[in-house]
Amino acid sequence: MEKQRKKWYYSYPMLILTFFLFYPASLVLTILRFKDRIDQEKGYKIRSKIAFIWNMAWLVLYSMAFLEWFVDSKWEREYQKYLNEKNYSSAKEVLNSKADKDVTKDVAEKYIELWEVSEDYSGAEEVIERYSEKLSDIADFDGALEKKITEIMDEFSAEQQEKIQLILNNVDEKKKVNESLAQESAEAESRNLEESIVAASKEREAEIVAESKKQEELIAAESKKQEELTARESQEKLEKVREADIAKQEEFRNRMQEFVNEWSDESNKKLIKKLKKEDETQVKEFLLDKMKTEMRENDVLRLKNMQLYCEMYQTLYGVEDIREIINQVNQVKTLDEKLKQVQSIKIGKKSFDISKVYDSCATGEWYISQRLETKYDDTISGDIRKEVDSYRQVEGSEWVGVNVTYTMYGQDIGDEKVVFYSSQKNPFSKSGSYFLRYVESSETKTLINDNGFERTVPVYYLLDDTIDLNERYENWYRIKEEKQQEEDKLKRLVALK
């Protein structure tokens, strides 16, 4: 299909020109162009739609603005109609209806006009007050309106005059304040201008001085650059020497660490020969540093490592330099062995840490109901197991205990059951209530009653009367403190080397 030729009066420039000069012409041309869009090319058709939408949007805006103007000016026509008919009451009602929404300057002027022709000044002070209150700044009170109010001031009642005059006085005071502020602002601007001129002059002088100083600094910087270049070359040489020394030291420490890892005893003659070839001072410093690190960085002394370093030092260079350290290490070792001997306490078949037993030891009244017995199945395997158990030497004994409660009626047996393990074969003479000392454990046992019901209960370990817990704990604590004192002494000796 042959496309329609573009017409110059449909072009965008013509539409824009007529839009600003004579909008109706632009609207008509746009509608005509949009009407012929079927035969238009794709791009031209899109621009036709855009122009149409644009003009329609402005048409809607113009229509809304005209409607608003028409509605807003309706009250003026009604007012003028009633005024010409000398129907002053209706004219006042129109103004009052308008004033309910907003008392503008035009409304206020119409009120003055009505007051003068009707000679009815009632409510005048309220109108003037509402007009002044709607102003964001009372100083914006219209001068012509103020002049008209002043001219008819004598027509108001005394009470109205007092209220209106108060409003006008406030207007005058506010205008004077604003004028004063404006004058101060002008004076401040003048001062700022003078100060800016002076500052600009000083700034120029400072720029000249700075430029001169900059030239001097450039000369000094060039000189310093040469000096730094020479110093940098020297520093680089020194750094290379230092890096080589650090690398050498690192290589030595790695080699020494390998010797430490390989060390076993004095019979390791090949390793001793290698160590003898190393610098004696460096080896001594290395071993002493390892001792210091061991004492400084570890909360718990690794005694084995200290013994190893002392043994290497003694084998290579004798004991004279570290005699006190070796003696102190041996002293700590002796106390450590003593501490291990008293560290645990055995209750029957189980060993407990003495400190945990001391902290968790409990006492209480329990009812011992019976000795715990193993129930064997009435089968061949049960008989075999019973026969095997009869040949075993079982340490101690196990007993079923029930907690004791007290009520208003006396002693009673509770529901809580436990198994007490004792290192003695017969710690109880009969069933009954006993005050017991015991240690709780994480172990449990499954009990089966005569009716076949199972129940899992905790296992407690009885402290026999033969075990003096306080004495053993105090002995352990004394050795522990003594060992700690000797370790502190060892730390001081090592730190002084």
Protein backbone atom coordinates (compact mmCIF):
# COMPACT_ATOMS: atom_id res chain seq x y z
CA MET A 1 0.00 0.00 0.00
CA GLU A 2 1.37 3.45 -0.92
CA LYS A 3 2.19 5.54 2.13
CA GLN A 4 0.79 9.07 2.44
CA ARG A 5 3.27 11.92 1.97
CA LYS A 6 4.16 13.89 5.07
CA LYS A 7 2.64 17.36 5.11
CA TRP A 8 4.74 20.26 6.41
CA TYR A 9 1.91 21.69 8.54
CA TYR A 10 1.70 18.33 10.42
CA SER A 11 5.38 18.44 11.36
CA TYR A 12 6.54 18.62 14.99
CA PRO A 13 8.06 22.14 14.64
CA MET A 14 4.73 23.51 13.30
CA LEU A 15 2.75 21.75 16.07
CA ILE A 16 5.10 23.14 18.77
CA LEU A 17 5.02 26.66 17.27
CA THR A 18 1.22 26.76 17.09
CA PHE A 19 1.02 25.21 20.59
CA PHE A 20 2.76 28.27 22.06
CA LEU A 21 1.32 30.92 19.71
CA PHE A 22 -2.27 29.70 19.22
CA TYR A 23 -3.17 26.46 21.01
CA PRO A 24 -6.48 25.77 19.14
CA ALA A 25 -4.63 25.63 15.81
CA SER A 26 -2.12 23.17 17.27
CA LEU A 27 -4.99 21.04 18.64
CA VAL A 28 -6.81 20.96 15.24
CA LEU A 29 -3.61 20.07 13.33
CA THR A 30 -2.81 17.31 15.84
CA ILE A 31 -6.31 15.80 15.55
CA LEU A 32 -6.12 15.85 11.74
CA ARG A 33 -2.68 14.22 11.79
CA PHE A 34 -3.90 11.56 14.26
CA LYS A 35 -6.99 10.91 12.10
CA ASP A 36 -4.77 10.02 9.09
CA ARG A 37 -2.48 7.67 11.13
CA ILE A 38 -3.66 4.52 9.27
CA ASP A 39 -1.65 5.45 6.15
CA GLN A 40 1.38 6.70 8.12
CA GLU A 41 4.71 4.97 8.59
CA LYS A 42 5.42 3.26 11.94
CA GLY A 43 7.70 5.98 13.42
CA TYR A 44 5.55 8.80 12.09
CA LYS A 45 2.42 7.06 13.46
CA ILE A 46 4.00 6.76 16.96
CA ARG A 47 4.86 10.47 16.94
CA SER A 48 1.27 11.25 15.86
CA LYS A 49 -0.02 9.34 18.91
CA ILE A 50 2.40 11.13 21.23
CA ALA A 51 1.37 14.54 19.91
CA PHE A 52 -2.32 13.61 20.22
CA ILE A 53 -1.93 12.39 23.84
CA TRP A 54 0.08 15.54 24.71
CA ASN A 55 -2.56 17.92 23.30
CA MET A 56 -5.43 15.95 24.86
CA ALA A 57 -3.70 16.16 28.26
CA TRP A 58 -3.37 19.94 27.93
CA LEU A 59 -6.98 20.19 26.76
CA VAL A 60 -8.08 18.39 29.95
CA LEU A 61 -5.94 20.71 32.06
CA TYR A 62 -7.30 23.82 30.34
CA SER A 63 -10.85 22.53 30.79
CA MET A 64 -10.32 21.84 34.48
CA ALA A 65 -8.74 25.27 35.00
CA PHE A 66 -11.60 26.99 33.18
CA LEU A 67 -14.18 25.02 35.22
CA GLU A 68 -12.43 25.94 38.46
CA TRP A 69 -12.31 29.62 37.41
CA PHE A 70 -15.97 29.55 36.42
CA VAL A 71 -17.06 27.96 39.73
CA ASP A 72 -14.81 30.27 41.76
CA SER A 73 -16.08 33.44 40.04
CA LYS A 74 -19.74 32.43 40.51
CA TRP A 75 -19.89 33.96 44.01
CA GLU A 76 -18.66 37.33 42.62
CA ARG A 77 -21.45 37.41 40.05
CA GLU A 78 -24.07 36.54 42.67
CA TYR A 79 -22.66 39.15 45.06
CA GLN A 80 -22.66 41.86 42.37
CA LYS A 81 -26.20 40.93 41.37
CA TYR A 82 -27.51 41.29 44.98
CA LEU A 83 -25.53 44.50 45.48
CA ASN A 84 -27.04 46.07 42.33
CA GLU A 85 -30.49 45.01 43.54
CA LYS A 86 -29.65 46.56 46.97
CA ASN A 87 -30.40 43.19 48.53
CA TYR A 88 -27.63 43.67 51.10
CA SER A 89 -28.55 40.75 53.34
CA SER A 90 -28.27 38.26 50.47
CA ALA A 91 -25.02 39.88 49.35
CA LYS A 92 -23.65 39.45 52.89
CA GLU A 93 -24.70 35.78 52.93
CA VAL A 94 -22.73 35.22 49.70
CA LEU A 95 -19.67 36.84 51.27
CA ASN A 96 -20.09 34.86 54.50
CA SER A 97 -20.32 31.62 52.50
CA LYS A 98 -17.11 32.51 50.68
CA ALA A 99 -15.41 33.60 53.90
CA ASP A 100 -16.12 30.20 55.48
CA LYS A 101 -13.59 28.76 53.03
CA ASP A 102 -11.00 31.55 52.97
CA VAL A 103 -10.93 35.32 53.62
CA THR A 104 -8.80 36.64 50.75
CA LYS A 105 -7.96 40.25 49.94
CA ASP A 106 -10.76 40.35 47.33
CA VAL A 107 -13.28 39.03 49.86
CA ALA A 108 -12.14 41.60 52.42
CA GLU A 109 -12.47 44.42 49.87
CA LYS A 110 -16.00 43.26 48.98
CA TYR A 111 -16.91 43.30 52.71
CA ILE A 112 -15.70 46.94 53.01
CA GLU A 113 -17.69 47.87 49.92
CA LEU A 114 -20.84 46.22 51.40
CA TRP A 115 -20.32 47.88 54.82
CA GLU A 116 -20.13 51.31 53.22
CA VAL A 117 -23.24 50.99 51.01
CA SER A 118 -25.34 49.15 53.61
CA GLU A 119 -23.96 51.10 56.62
CA ASP A 120 -24.05 47.75 58.51
CA TYR A 121 -20.64 47.17 60.11
CA SER A 122 -21.56 44.19 62.27
CA GLY A 123 -18.97 41.39 62.32
CA ALA A 124 -16.37 43.59 60.66
CA GLU A 125 -13.72 42.92 63.34
CA GLU A 126 -14.11 39.14 62.83
CA VAL A 127 -13.59 39.45 59.06
CA ILE A 128 -10.45 41.57 59.50
CA GLU A 129 -9.15 39.20 62.20
CA ARG A 130 -9.70 36.11 60.01
CA TYR A 131 -7.96 37.81 57.09
CA SER A 132 -4.92 38.60 59.27
CA GLU A 133 -4.81 35.08 60.73
CA LYS A 134 -4.73 33.36 57.34
CA LEU A 135 -1.55 35.29 56.42
CA SER A 136 1.68 33.32 56.98
CA ASP A 137 3.29 36.62 58.02
CA ILE A 138 1.04 39.41 59.37
CA ALA A 139 3.41 41.92 57.80
CA ASP A 140 1.99 40.83 54.40
CA PHE A 141 -1.29 42.61 55.35
CA ASP A 142 -2.31 44.49 52.15
CA GLY A 143 -1.45 48.19 52.39
CA ALA A 144 -4.43 49.40 50.31
CA LEU A 145 -6.76 47.28 52.45
CA GLU A 146 -5.22 48.72 55.63
CA LYS A 147 -5.72 52.25 54.27
CA LYS A 148 -9.43 51.62 53.50
CA ILE A 149 -10.01 50.19 56.99
CA THR A 150 -8.34 53.26 58.53
CA GLU A 151 -10.58 55.59 56.47
CA ILE A 152 -13.79 53.98 57.77
CA MET A 153 -12.51 53.45 61.33
CA ASP A 154 -14.94 56.03 62.73
CA GLU A 155 -17.88 54.01 61.43
CA PHE A 156 -17.11 51.06 63.71
CA SER A 157 -18.30 50.74 67.26
CA ALA A 158 -15.87 51.45 70.11
CA GLU A 159 -15.40 47.76 70.83
CA GLN A 160 -14.80 47.04 67.12
CA GLN A 161 -12.35 49.92 66.87
CA GLU A 162 -10.35 48.55 69.82
CA LYS A 163 -10.05 45.06 68.29
CA ILE A 164 -9.35 46.34 64.75
CA GLN A 165 -6.80 48.88 65.98
CA LEU A 166 -4.99 46.10 67.90
CA ILE A 167 -4.73 44.08 64.68
CA LEU A 168 -3.45 47.09 62.71
CA ASN A 169 -0.94 47.88 65.45
CA ASN A 170 0.36 44.32 65.27
CA VAL A 171 0.66 44.73 61.50
CA ASP A 172 2.64 47.99 61.90
CA GLU A 173 4.94 46.48 64.56
CA LYS A 174 5.62 43.43 62.43
CA LYS A 175 6.39 45.59 59.38
CA LYS A 176 8.80 47.69 61.45
CA VAL A 177 10.51 44.53 62.71
CA ASN A 178 10.80 43.23 59.14
CA GLU A 179 12.16 46.57 57.94
CA SER A 180 14.67 46.54 60.81
CA LEU A 181 15.71 42.99 59.94
CA ALA A 182 15.99 43.93 56.26
CA GLN A 183 18.17 46.91 57.16
CA GLU A 184 20.35 44.75 59.40
CA SER A 185 20.61 42.20 56.62
CA ALA A 186 21.64 44.91 54.14
CA GLU A 187 24.24 46.22 56.60
CA ALA A 188 25.48 42.67 57.17
CA GLU A 189 25.76 42.13 53.40
CA SER A 190 27.70 45.38 53.14
CA ARG A 191 30.04 44.30 55.94
CA ASN A 192 30.42 40.87 54.34
CA LEU A 193 31.27 42.52 51.03
CA GLU A 194 33.93 44.67 52.69
CA GLU A 195 35.27 41.67 54.57
CA SER A 196 35.34 39.58 51.38
CA ILE A 197 37.31 42.34 49.63
CA VAL A 198 39.79 42.47 52.51
CA ALA A 199 39.93 38.66 52.62
CA ALA A 200 40.51 38.51 48.85
CA SER A 201 43.36 41.00 49.23
CA LYS A 202 44.90 38.99 52.06
CA GLU A 203 44.37 35.79 50.09
CA ARG A 204 46.23 37.26 47.13
CA GLU A 205 49.10 38.32 49.40
CA ALA A 206 49.11 34.82 50.90
CA GLU A 207 49.19 33.31 47.39
CA ILE A 208 52.22 35.42 46.52
CA VAL A 209 53.97 34.38 49.72
CA ALA A 210 52.95 30.75 49.15
CA GLU A 211 54.25 30.85 45.57
CA SER A 212 57.58 32.18 46.79
CA LYS A 213 57.69 29.55 49.51
CA LYS A 214 56.77 26.88 46.97
CA GLN A 215 59.75 27.83 44.82
CA GLU A 216 62.03 27.60 47.84
CA GLU A 217 60.51 24.23 48.77
CA LEU A 218 61.04 22.93 45.22
CA ILE A 219 64.71 23.83 45.41
CA ALA A 220 64.99 22.27 48.87
CA ALA A 221 63.05 19.19 47.72
CA GLU A 222 65.38 18.65 44.78
CA SER A 223 68.35 18.87 47.10
CA LYS A 224 66.70 16.51 49.58
CA LYS A 225 65.82 14.13 46.75
CA GLN A 226 69.48 13.77 45.87
CA GLU A 227 70.34 13.17 49.52
CA GLU A 228 67.54 10.61 49.87
CA LEU A 229 68.69 8.84 46.71
CA THR A 230 72.14 8.43 48.19
CA ALA A 231 70.68 7.37 51.55
CA ARG A 232 68.29 4.92 49.85
CA GLU A 233 71.14 3.25 48.02
CA SER A 234 72.97 2.84 51.32
CA GLN A 235 69.78 1.62 53.01
CA GLU A 236 69.15 -0.92 50.25
CA LYS A 237 72.63 -2.32 50.68
CA LEU A 238 72.07 -2.50 54.46
CA GLU A 239 68.67 -4.16 53.93
CA LYS A 240 70.21 -6.79 51.69
CA VAL A 241 72.84 -7.55 54.34
CA ARG A 242 70.11 -7.68 57.03
CA GLU A 243 67.87 -9.93 54.89
CA ALA A 244 70.78 -12.28 54.26
CA ASP A 245 71.48 -12.37 58.01
CA ILE A 246 67.80 -13.05 58.79
CA ALA A 247 67.68 -15.82 56.20
CA LYS A 248 70.85 -17.31 57.69
CA GLN A 249 69.35 -17.18 61.19
CA GLU A 250 66.09 -18.71 59.96
CA GLU A 251 68.01 -21.50 58.26
CA PHE A 252 69.94 -22.11 61.49
CA ARG A 253 66.74 -22.23 63.59
CA ASN A 254 65.08 -24.65 61.16
CA ARG A 255 68.17 -26.84 61.26
CA MET A 256 68.23 -26.73 65.06
CA GLN A 257 64.53 -27.60 65.25
CA GLU A 258 65.23 -30.69 63.14
CA PHE A 259 67.98 -31.65 65.59
CA VAL A 260 65.55 -31.23 68.49
CA ASN A 261 62.96 -33.39 66.76
CA GLU A 262 65.56 -36.11 66.06
CA TRP A 263 67.18 -36.08 69.52
CA SER A 264 66.81 -39.31 71.50
CA ASP A 265 69.72 -39.77 73.95
CA GLU A 266 73.47 -39.33 74.33
CA SER A 267 74.16 -42.41 72.23
CA ASN A 268 73.09 -40.46 69.16
CA LYS A 269 76.72 -39.73 68.25
CA LYS A 270 76.12 -38.60 64.66
CA LEU A 271 73.61 -35.95 65.77
CA ILE A 272 76.00 -34.77 68.51
CA LYS A 273 78.82 -34.42 65.94
CA LYS A 274 76.53 -32.29 63.73
CA LEU A 275 75.59 -30.06 66.67
CA LYS A 276 79.27 -29.65 67.66
CA LYS A 277 79.92 -28.18 64.21
CA GLU A 278 77.36 -25.42 64.83
CA ASP A 279 78.30 -22.13 66.47
CA GLU A 280 78.33 -22.77 70.24
CA THR A 281 76.94 -19.35 71.19
CA GLN A 282 74.06 -19.67 68.72
CA VAL A 283 73.17 -23.18 69.87
CA LYS A 284 73.17 -22.12 73.52
CA GLU A 285 70.98 -19.10 72.73
CA PHE A 286 68.61 -21.30 70.72
CA LEU A 287 68.15 -23.84 73.53
CA LEU A 288 67.70 -21.10 76.16
CA ASP A 289 65.16 -19.34 73.90
CA LYS A 290 63.20 -22.59 73.57
CA MET A 291 63.17 -22.89 77.38
CA LYS A 292 61.97 -19.28 77.76
CA THR A 293 59.29 -19.78 75.12
CA GLU A 294 58.14 -22.96 76.85
CA MET A 295 57.85 -21.17 80.20
CA ARG A 296 56.30 -17.99 78.76
CA GLU A 297 53.71 -19.22 76.24
CA ASN A 298 52.32 -22.34 77.94
CA ASP A 299 49.99 -22.12 80.94
CA VAL A 300 50.77 -25.77 81.79
CA LEU A 301 54.47 -26.60 81.92
CA ARG A 302 55.43 -29.22 79.36
CA LEU A 303 58.03 -30.86 81.59
CA LYS A 304 59.12 -33.34 78.95
CA ASN A 305 60.22 -30.54 76.59
CA MET A 306 62.18 -28.78 79.35
CA GLN A 307 63.97 -32.03 80.18
CA LEU A 308 64.83 -32.49 76.49
CA TYR A 309 66.37 -28.99 76.16
CA CYS A 310 68.34 -29.42 79.41
CA GLU A 311 69.56 -32.86 78.31
CA MET A 312 70.80 -31.51 74.95
CA TYR A 313 72.52 -28.56 76.60
CA GLN A 314 74.19 -30.80 79.23
CA THR A 315 75.33 -33.36 76.66
CA LEU A 316 76.90 -30.73 74.42
CA TYR A 317 78.33 -28.19 76.87
CA GLY A 318 78.11 -29.60 80.39
CA VAL A 319 76.00 -28.46 83.34
CA GLU A 320 77.91 -25.45 84.64
CA ASP A 321 75.85 -22.79 82.80
CA ILE A 322 72.43 -24.29 83.60
CA ARG A 323 73.06 -26.27 86.80
CA GLU A 324 70.34 -24.37 88.72
CA ILE A 325 67.84 -24.87 85.89
CA ILE A 326 68.53 -28.62 85.70
CA ASN A 327 68.19 -28.99 89.49
CA GLN A 328 64.95 -27.04 89.40
CA VAL A 329 63.55 -29.15 86.53
CA ASN A 330 64.37 -32.31 88.52
CA GLN A 331 62.65 -30.80 91.56
CA VAL A 332 59.51 -30.07 89.52
CA LYS A 333 59.65 -33.58 88.03
CA THR A 334 59.81 -35.13 91.52
CA LEU A 335 56.79 -33.14 92.68
CA ASP A 336 54.94 -33.98 89.44
CA GLU A 337 55.42 -37.70 90.12
CA LYS A 338 54.22 -37.26 93.72
CA LEU A 339 51.19 -35.34 92.47
CA LYS A 340 50.28 -38.12 90.04
CA GLN A 341 50.39 -40.65 92.91
CA VAL A 342 47.81 -38.71 94.97
CA GLN A 343 45.89 -37.27 92.00
CA SER A 344 43.27 -40.05 91.95
CA ILE A 345 41.28 -41.84 94.60
CA LYS A 346 39.98 -45.37 94.01
CA ILE A 347 36.51 -46.28 95.24
CA GLY A 348 35.98 -49.94 94.61
CA LYS A 349 36.55 -50.59 90.93
CA LYS A 350 36.58 -46.95 89.75
CA SER A 351 39.18 -44.19 90.04
CA PHE A 352 38.11 -40.56 90.59
CA ASP A 353 40.03 -37.30 90.40
CA ILE A 354 40.61 -36.18 94.02
CA SER A 355 39.58 -32.57 93.34
CA LYS A 356 36.32 -33.63 91.63
CA VAL A 357 35.51 -36.04 94.48
CA TYR A 358 36.15 -33.30 97.02
CA ASP A 359 33.94 -30.80 95.13
CA SER A 360 31.10 -33.23 94.28
CA CYS A 361 31.01 -35.37 97.44
CA ALA A 362 27.46 -35.52 98.80
CA THR A 363 25.79 -36.76 101.98
CA GLY A 364 22.23 -37.88 102.53
CA GLU A 365 19.88 -40.29 104.23
CA TRP A 366 18.97 -43.32 102.16
CA TYR A 367 17.04 -46.51 102.87
CA ILE A 368 19.07 -49.58 101.90
CA SER A 369 16.52 -52.16 100.84
CA GLN A 370 18.62 -55.05 99.54
CA ARG A 371 21.82 -56.25 97.97
CA LEU A 372 21.79 -56.00 94.16
CA GLU A 373 21.76 -59.48 92.68
CA THR A 374 22.17 -60.65 89.11
CA LYS A 375 19.17 -62.46 87.69
CA TYR A 376 20.00 -65.40 85.44
CA ASP A 377 17.71 -66.79 82.76
CA ASP A 378 16.32 -70.23 83.42
CA THR A 379 18.17 -71.56 80.37
CA ILE A 380 21.40 -73.39 79.62
CA SER A 381 23.16 -70.10 78.79
CA GLY A 382 21.87 -68.63 82.06
CA ASP A 383 23.26 -71.58 84.01
CA ILE A 384 26.62 -71.28 82.26
CA ARG A 385 26.81 -67.55 83.01
CA LYS A 386 25.94 -68.21 86.67
CA GLU A 387 28.66 -70.85 86.92
CA VAL A 388 31.25 -68.50 85.32
CA ASP A 389 30.31 -65.61 87.69
CA SER A 390 30.73 -67.93 90.69
CA TYR A 391 34.46 -68.30 89.86
CA ARG A 392 35.04 -64.56 89.38
CA GLN A 393 36.51 -62.53 92.21
CA VAL A 394 34.11 -59.56 92.28
CA GLU A 395 35.43 -56.53 94.17
CA GLY A 396 33.08 -54.86 96.63
CA SER A 397 29.29 -55.03 96.53
CA GLU A 398 26.26 -53.24 95.07
CA TRP A 399 23.13 -52.19 97.00
CA VAL A 400 19.72 -50.78 96.11
CA GLY A 401 18.94 -47.51 97.92
CA VAL A 402 15.70 -45.50 98.10
CA ASN A 403 15.49 -41.87 99.20
CA VAL A 404 14.00 -41.13 102.64
CA THR A 405 11.35 -38.45 103.10
CA TYR A 406 9.70 -37.05 106.21
CA THR A 407 6.03 -36.18 106.59
CA MET A 408 3.82 -35.15 109.47
CA TYR A 409 3.37 -38.84 110.19
CA GLY A 410 7.12 -39.56 110.40
CA GLN A 411 9.69 -41.19 108.16
CA ASP A 412 8.62 -42.53 104.78
CA ILE A 413 10.23 -44.16 101.75
CA GLY A 414 10.31 -42.10 98.51
CA ASP A 415 10.24 -43.07 94.83
CA GLU A 416 13.85 -42.24 93.89
CA LYS A 417 16.05 -45.31 93.55
CA VAL A 418 19.82 -45.57 93.08
CA VAL A 419 22.50 -48.26 93.11
CA PHE A 420 25.27 -47.74 95.69
CA TYR A 421 28.63 -49.34 94.94
CA SER A 422 30.84 -50.08 97.97
CA SER A 423 34.42 -51.34 98.06
CA GLN A 424 33.43 -53.51 101.05
CA LYS A 425 31.64 -56.84 100.79
CA ASN A 426 29.17 -56.18 103.62
CA PRO A 427 29.02 -52.49 104.54
CA PHE A 428 25.43 -52.80 105.87
CA SER A 429 24.27 -55.15 108.67
CA LYS A 430 20.59 -55.00 107.75
CA SER A 431 17.95 -53.14 105.71
CA GLY A 432 17.23 -49.66 107.01
CA SER A 433 18.02 -45.95 106.89
CA TYR A 434 21.66 -44.82 106.79
CA PHE A 435 23.44 -41.46 106.52
CA LEU A 436 25.86 -42.01 103.63
CA ARG A 437 28.75 -40.16 101.97
CA TYR A 438 28.95 -40.84 98.26
CA VAL A 439 30.13 -39.58 94.87
CA GLU A 440 27.73 -39.25 91.96
CA SER A 441 28.74 -40.69 88.58
CA SER A 442 27.43 -40.73 85.02
CA GLU A 443 26.89 -44.50 85.15
CA THR A 444 23.46 -46.16 85.22
CA LYS A 445 22.09 -49.62 85.83
CA THR A 446 18.85 -51.28 84.75
CA LEU A 447 16.91 -52.86 87.63
CA ILE A 448 14.26 -55.56 87.11
CA ASN A 449 11.78 -56.20 89.92
CA ASP A 450 10.06 -59.51 90.72
CA ASN A 451 7.23 -58.64 88.32
CA GLY A 452 9.67 -58.18 85.45
CA PHE A 453 9.41 -54.34 85.23
CA GLU A 454 12.63 -52.56 84.26
CA ARG A 455 13.90 -49.23 85.60
CA THR A 456 17.15 -47.40 84.83
CA VAL A 457 18.73 -45.76 87.88
CA PRO A 458 22.01 -43.86 88.54
CA VAL A 459 25.05 -45.46 90.20
CA TYR A 460 26.65 -43.73 93.25
CA TYR A 461 29.99 -44.71 94.81
CA LEU A 462 30.14 -44.91 98.60
CA LEU A 463 33.02 -43.32 100.49
CA ASP A 464 34.08 -45.80 103.16
CA ASP A 465 34.94 -44.62 106.64
CA THR A 466 38.51 -45.75 105.97
CA ILE A 467 38.89 -43.00 103.33
CA ASP A 468 39.90 -39.70 104.95
CA LEU A 469 38.87 -37.44 102.07
CA ASN A 470 39.84 -34.14 103.70
CA GLU A 471 43.32 -35.36 104.62
CA ARG A 472 43.97 -36.77 101.15
CA TYR A 473 42.65 -33.65 99.45
CA GLU A 474 44.80 -31.37 101.63
CA ASN A 475 47.87 -33.51 100.85
CA TRP A 476 47.12 -33.31 97.11
CA TYR A 477 46.53 -29.55 97.29
CA ARG A 478 49.75 -29.01 99.27
CA ILE A 479 51.83 -30.90 96.69
CA LYS A 480 50.07 -29.06 93.84
CA GLU A 481 50.84 -25.67 95.40
CA GLU A 482 54.43 -26.69 96.09
CA LYS A 483 54.83 -27.79 92.47
CA GLN A 484 53.39 -24.47 91.25
CA GLN A 485 55.88 -22.55 93.43
CA GLU A 486 58.77 -24.58 92.05
CA GLU A 487 57.52 -23.98 88.49
CA ASP A 488 57.39 -20.22 89.18
CA LYS A 489 60.95 -20.41 90.50
CA LEU A 490 61.97 -22.28 87.34
CA LYS A 491 60.36 -19.54 85.20
CA ARG A 492 62.42 -16.88 87.03
CA LEU A 493 65.65 -18.84 86.61
CA VAL A 494 65.04 -19.32 82.88
CA ALA A 495 64.09 -15.66 82.41
CA LEU A 496 67.41 -14.51 83.92
CA LYS A 497 69.47 -16.48 81.37
